[in-house]
C-alpha atoms as a PDB file:
ATOM      1  CA  MET A   1      98.137-164.614 -39.743  1.00  0.00           C
ATOM      2  CA  ASP A   2     101.880-164.886 -40.215  1.00  0.00           C
ATOM      3  CA  LYS A   3     104.074-163.745 -37.589  1.00  0.00           C
ATOM      4  CA  ALA A   4     107.506-162.980 -39.067  1.00  0.00           C
ATOM      5  CA  THR A   5     110.126-161.435 -37.138  1.00  0.00           C
ATOM      6  CA  PRO A   6     111.298-157.814 -37.662  1.00  0.00           C
ATOM      7  CA  GLU A   7     114.609-159.182 -39.115  1.00  0.00           C
ATOM      8  CA  GLN A   8     112.445-161.437 -41.856  1.00  0.00           C
ATOM      9  CA  ARG A   9     110.268-158.170 -42.574  1.00  0.00           C
ATOM     10  CA  ARG A  10     113.066-156.124 -43.117  1.00  0.00           C
ATOM     11  CA  GLY A  11     114.838-158.706 -45.397  1.00  0.00           C
ATOM     12  CA  ALA A  12     111.433-159.057 -47.496  1.00  0.00           C
ATOM     13  CA  TYR A  13     111.389-155.061 -47.721  1.00  0.00           C
ATOM     14  CA  TRP A  14     115.059-154.719 -49.009  1.00  0.00           C
ATOM     15  CA  ARG A  15     114.312-157.726 -51.504  1.00  0.00           C
ATOM     16  CA  GLN A  16     111.436-155.887 -52.886  1.00  0.00           C
ATOM     17  CA  THR A  17     112.985-152.535 -52.980  1.00  0.00           C
ATOM     18  CA  ARG A  18     116.237-154.173 -54.741  1.00  0.00           C
ATOM     19  CA  ARG A  19     114.001-155.959 -57.274  1.00  0.00           C
ATOM     20  CA  LEU A  20     111.988-152.941 -58.221  1.00  0.00           C
ATOM     21  CA  THR A  21     115.069-151.046 -58.466  1.00  0.00           C
ATOM     22  CA  ALA A  22     116.741-153.544 -60.646  1.00  0.00           C
ATOM     23  CA  ALA A  23     113.817-153.612 -62.992  1.00  0.00           C
ATOM     24  CA  LEU A  24     113.297-150.028 -63.351  1.00  0.00           C
ATOM     25  CA  LEU A  25     116.982-149.626 -64.052  1.00  0.00           C
ATOM     26  CA  ALA A  26     116.689-152.466 -66.899  1.00  0.00           C
ATOM     27  CA  VAL A  27     113.919-150.243 -68.333  1.00  0.00           C
ATOM     28  CA  TRP A  28     115.985-147.239 -68.172  1.00  0.00           C
ATOM     29  CA  PHE A  29     119.013-148.956 -69.625  1.00  0.00           C
ATOM     30  CA  ALA A  30     116.722-150.407 -72.598  1.00  0.00           C
ATOM     31  CA  GLY A  31     115.593-147.232 -73.482  1.00  0.00           C
ATOM     32  CA  SER A  32     118.676-145.229 -73.217  1.00  0.00           C
ATOM     33  CA  PHE A  33     120.639-147.890 -75.161  1.00  0.00           C
ATOM     34  CA  GLY A  34     118.013-149.053 -77.243  1.00  0.00           C
ATOM     35  CA  THR A  35     117.236-145.620 -78.764  1.00  0.00           C
ATOM     36  CA  VAL A  36     120.989-145.137 -79.677  1.00  0.00           C
ATOM     37  CA  PHE A  37     121.797-148.709 -80.770  1.00  0.00           C
ATOM     38  CA  PHE A  38     118.634-148.817 -83.121  1.00  0.00           C
ATOM     39  CA  ALA A  39     118.663-145.439 -84.328  1.00  0.00           C
ATOM     40  CA  ARG A  40     119.255-146.225 -88.133  1.00  0.00           C
ATOM     41  CA  GLU A  41     116.266-148.739 -87.917  1.00  0.00           C
ATOM     42  CA  LEU A  42     113.969-146.606 -86.093  1.00  0.00           C
ATOM     43  CA  ALA A  43     114.747-143.615 -88.540  1.00  0.00           C
ATOM     44  CA  GLY A  44     112.442-145.409 -91.087  1.00  0.00           C
ATOM     45  CA  PHE A  45     109.552-144.803 -88.962  1.00  0.00           C
ATOM     46  CA  THR A  46     108.094-141.309 -88.708  1.00  0.00           C
ATOM     47  CA  LEU A  47     105.814-139.994 -85.730  1.00  0.00           C
ATOM     48  CA  PHE A  48     104.379-136.561 -86.484  1.00  0.00           C
ATOM     49  CA  GLY A  49     106.638-135.899 -89.176  1.00  0.00           C
ATOM     50  CA  TRP A  50     109.908-136.701 -87.375  1.00  0.00           C
ATOM     51  CA  PRO A  51     112.013-139.868 -87.818  1.00  0.00           C
ATOM     52  CA  LEU A  52     111.057-142.029 -84.598  1.00  0.00           C
ATOM     53  CA  SER A  53     114.593-142.284 -83.398  1.00  0.00           C
ATOM     54  CA  PHE A  54     115.018-138.425 -83.093  1.00  0.00           C
ATOM     55  CA  TYR A  55     111.497-138.207 -81.493  1.00  0.00           C
ATOM     56  CA  LEU A  56     112.586-141.025 -78.971  1.00  0.00           C
ATOM     57  CA  ALA A  57     115.797-139.204 -77.993  1.00  0.00           C
ATOM     58  CA  ALA A  58     114.267-135.597 -78.027  1.00  0.00           C
ATOM     59  CA  GLN A  59     110.787-136.319 -76.294  1.00  0.00           C
ATOM     60  CA  GLY A  60     110.303-140.231 -75.583  1.00  0.00           C
ATOM     61  CA  ALA A  61     113.070-140.643 -73.219  1.00  0.00           C
ATOM     62  CA  SER A  62     112.196-137.881 -71.223  1.00  0.00           C
ATOM     63  CA  LEU A  63     108.613-139.014 -70.849  1.00  0.00           C
ATOM     64  CA  ALA A  64     110.159-142.666 -70.190  1.00  0.00           C
ATOM     65  CA  TYR A  65     112.312-141.364 -67.313  1.00  0.00           C
ATOM     66  CA  LEU A  66     109.392-139.324 -65.880  1.00  0.00           C
ATOM     67  CA  ALA A  67     107.539-142.379 -65.990  1.00  0.00           C
ATOM     68  CA  ILE A  68     110.094-144.510 -64.191  1.00  0.00           C
ATOM     69  CA  ILE A  69     110.516-141.805 -61.443  1.00  0.00           C
ATOM     70  CA  GLY A  70     106.690-141.928 -60.974  1.00  0.00           C
ATOM     71  CA  VAL A  71     106.357-145.915 -60.828  1.00  0.00           C
ATOM     72  CA  TYR A  72     109.393-145.678 -58.428  1.00  0.00           C
ATOM     73  CA  ALA A  73     107.507-143.311 -56.251  1.00  0.00           C
ATOM     74  CA  TRP A  74     104.163-144.957 -56.478  1.00  0.00           C
ATOM     75  CA  ARG A  75     105.461-148.636 -55.481  1.00  0.00           C
ATOM     76  CA  MET A  76     107.800-147.419 -52.873  1.00  0.00           C
ATOM     77  CA  ARG A  77     105.208-145.669 -51.130  1.00  0.00           C
ATOM     78  CA  ALA A  78     103.029-148.713 -51.141  1.00  0.00           C
ATOM     79  CA  LEU A  79     106.009-150.730 -49.970  1.00  0.00           C
ATOM     80  CA  ASP A  80     106.823-148.252 -46.941  1.00  0.00           C
ATOM     81  CA  LEU A  81     103.302-148.265 -45.875  1.00  0.00           C
ATOM     82  CA  GLN A  82     103.271-151.965 -45.908  1.00  0.00           C
ATOM     83  CA  ALA A  83     106.446-152.108 -43.575  1.00  0.00           C
ATOM     84  CA  ARG A  84     105.105-149.556 -41.507  1.00  0.00           C
ATOM     85  CA  GLU A  85     101.858-151.587 -40.856  1.00  0.00           C
ATOM     86  CA  GLY A  86     104.036-154.724 -40.036  1.00  0.00           C
ATOM     87  CA  GLU A  87     105.709-152.792 -37.359  1.00  0.00           C
ATOM     88  CA  ARG A  88     102.701-152.137 -35.348  1.00  0.00           C
ATOM     89  CA  PRO A  89     101.742-154.770 -32.655  1.00  0.00           C
END
């Protein structure tokens, strides 16, 4: 077993937290910016009779944000539990 100091465990926890946050912010930015930037190209495709750009702006973005929140909560719960277990003697 690896006996890391509390400072090392805390540093690893915050590195993982920052990495997760950065990745999810990148997904958020790509979804938000990509939908607007590529709206003309996406309008050529249809989904349920609506242009894809309209669907992504009206429905898809909300679902993507909900998924981002869900992934963040799920992964942070796992990281928090892992950090708590590391504190026990």
